[in-house]
């Protein structure tokens, strides 16, 4: 399996979302973290299964139980996470991000 590499802003988005949900109800942030980890495992195991989001080859994986989508790109030696984006806030804000 290819390693998963986060864009720094995507990592920050995930941390902020986990902290927000943990503040809403103890344990809920941990639940979000687990669901994102499960989604990333599915992405690693079958990166081509998820639908393409745009012509650039980005794909999207919807996180179960929470209103988040993981946008990613499968590269030759890694899977690059562009965003862990809330489904109803600022659509497409992450589109200018590119793999380092």
Protein backbone atom coordinates (compact mmCIF):
# COMPACT_ATOMS: atom_id res chain seq x y z
CA UNK A 1 0.00 0.00 0.00
CA UNK A 2 1.09 3.52 -0.75
CA UNK A 3 1.75 5.87 2.16
CA UNK A 4 -0.66 8.74 2.77
CA UNK A 5 0.79 12.24 2.77
CA UNK A 6 -1.29 15.22 3.92
CA UNK A 7 -1.07 18.73 2.58
CA UNK A 8 -0.24 20.75 5.73
CA UNK A 9 -3.54 22.62 5.52
CA UNK A 10 -5.47 19.35 5.22
CA UNK A 11 -3.79 18.08 8.39
CA UNK A 12 -4.73 21.34 10.15
CA UNK A 13 -8.35 21.03 8.93
CA UNK A 14 -8.60 17.57 10.41
CA UNK A 15 -7.14 18.68 13.74
CA UNK A 16 -9.54 21.63 13.91
CA UNK A 17 -12.55 19.45 13.10
CA UNK A 18 -11.57 16.86 15.72
CA UNK A 19 -11.11 19.61 18.34
CA UNK A 20 -14.46 21.17 17.43
CA UNK A 21 -16.38 17.90 17.75
CA UNK A 22 -14.57 17.00 20.97
CA UNK A 23 -15.67 20.34 22.39
CA UNK A 24 -19.27 19.64 21.39
CA UNK A 25 -19.33 16.29 23.16
CA UNK A 26 -16.42 14.41 24.74
CA UNK A 27 -15.52 11.42 22.58
CA UNK A 28 -17.12 12.79 19.42
CA UNK A 29 -13.83 14.19 18.13
CA UNK A 30 -12.24 10.80 18.66
CA UNK A 31 -15.11 9.26 16.68
CA UNK A 32 -14.44 11.64 13.78
CA UNK A 33 -10.73 10.79 13.88
CA UNK A 34 -11.54 7.08 13.72
CA UNK A 35 -13.94 7.53 10.78
CA UNK A 36 -11.32 9.53 8.88
CA UNK A 37 -8.73 6.82 9.60
CA UNK A 38 -11.15 4.17 8.31
CA UNK A 39 -11.75 6.22 5.17
CA UNK A 40 -8.00 6.57 4.63
CA UNK A 41 -7.57 2.82 4.98
CA UNK A 42 -10.26 2.31 2.31
CA UNK A 43 -8.48 4.84 0.10
CA UNK A 44 -5.14 3.05 0.56
CA UNK A 45 -6.62 -0.35 -0.20
CA UNK A 46 -8.65 0.72 -3.25
CA UNK A 47 -7.66 4.22 -4.40
CA UNK A 48 -9.30 3.87 -7.82
CA UNK A 49 -12.72 2.90 -6.44
CA UNK A 50 -13.76 6.39 -5.39
CA UNK A 51 -15.24 8.79 -7.94
CA UNK A 52 -13.15 11.40 -9.68
CA UNK A 53 -13.89 14.93 -8.60
CA UNK A 54 -12.26 16.82 -11.47
CA UNK A 55 -10.17 16.55 -14.61
CA UNK A 56 -6.92 16.80 -12.64
CA UNK A 57 -7.49 13.30 -11.27
CA UNK A 58 -8.51 14.24 -7.74
CA UNK A 59 -10.88 11.77 -6.17
CA UNK A 60 -13.24 12.09 -3.24
CA UNK A 61 -14.15 9.81 -0.37
CA UNK A 62 -17.08 10.70 1.87
CA UNK A 63 -16.44 10.17 5.58
CA UNK A 64 -19.12 8.10 7.27
CA UNK A 65 -21.24 9.66 10.06
CA UNK A 66 -19.76 13.14 9.60
CA UNK A 67 -20.23 15.83 6.93
CA UNK A 68 -16.67 15.63 5.61
CA UNK A 69 -15.12 14.58 2.33
CA UNK A 70 -11.50 13.61 1.78
CA UNK A 71 -10.13 14.89 -1.53
CA UNK A 72 -7.03 13.04 -2.66
CA UNK A 73 -4.74 12.30 -5.56
CA UNK A 74 -3.07 8.97 -6.21
CA UNK A 75 0.53 9.55 -7.24
CA UNK A 76 3.12 7.00 -8.33
CA UNK A 77 4.56 6.51 -4.84
CA UNK A 78 1.98 7.99 -2.45
CA UNK A 79 -1.57 9.10 -1.89
CA UNK A 80 -1.71 12.84 -1.39
CA UNK A 81 -4.56 14.28 0.70
CA UNK A 82 -5.51 17.73 -0.59
CA UNK A 83 -8.29 18.43 1.91
CA UNK A 84 -10.48 17.09 4.67
CA UNK A 85 -13.31 19.42 3.76
CA UNK A 86 -16.65 20.09 5.41
CA UNK A 87 -19.34 19.36 2.85
CA UNK A 88 -21.31 22.55 3.45
CA UNK A 89 -18.63 25.17 4.08
CA UNK A 90 -16.62 27.11 1.50
CA UNK A 91 -16.86 24.66 -1.42
CA UNK A 92 -13.70 24.33 -3.45
CA UNK A 93 -11.49 26.53 -1.21
CA UNK A 94 -8.73 23.90 -1.42
CA UNK A 95 -8.56 23.63 -5.25
CA UNK A 96 -5.33 25.62 -5.59
CA UNK A 97 -3.40 23.18 -3.39
CA UNK A 98 -0.78 21.06 -5.09
CA UNK A 99 1.45 18.21 -3.90
CA UNK A 100 4.76 19.43 -2.53
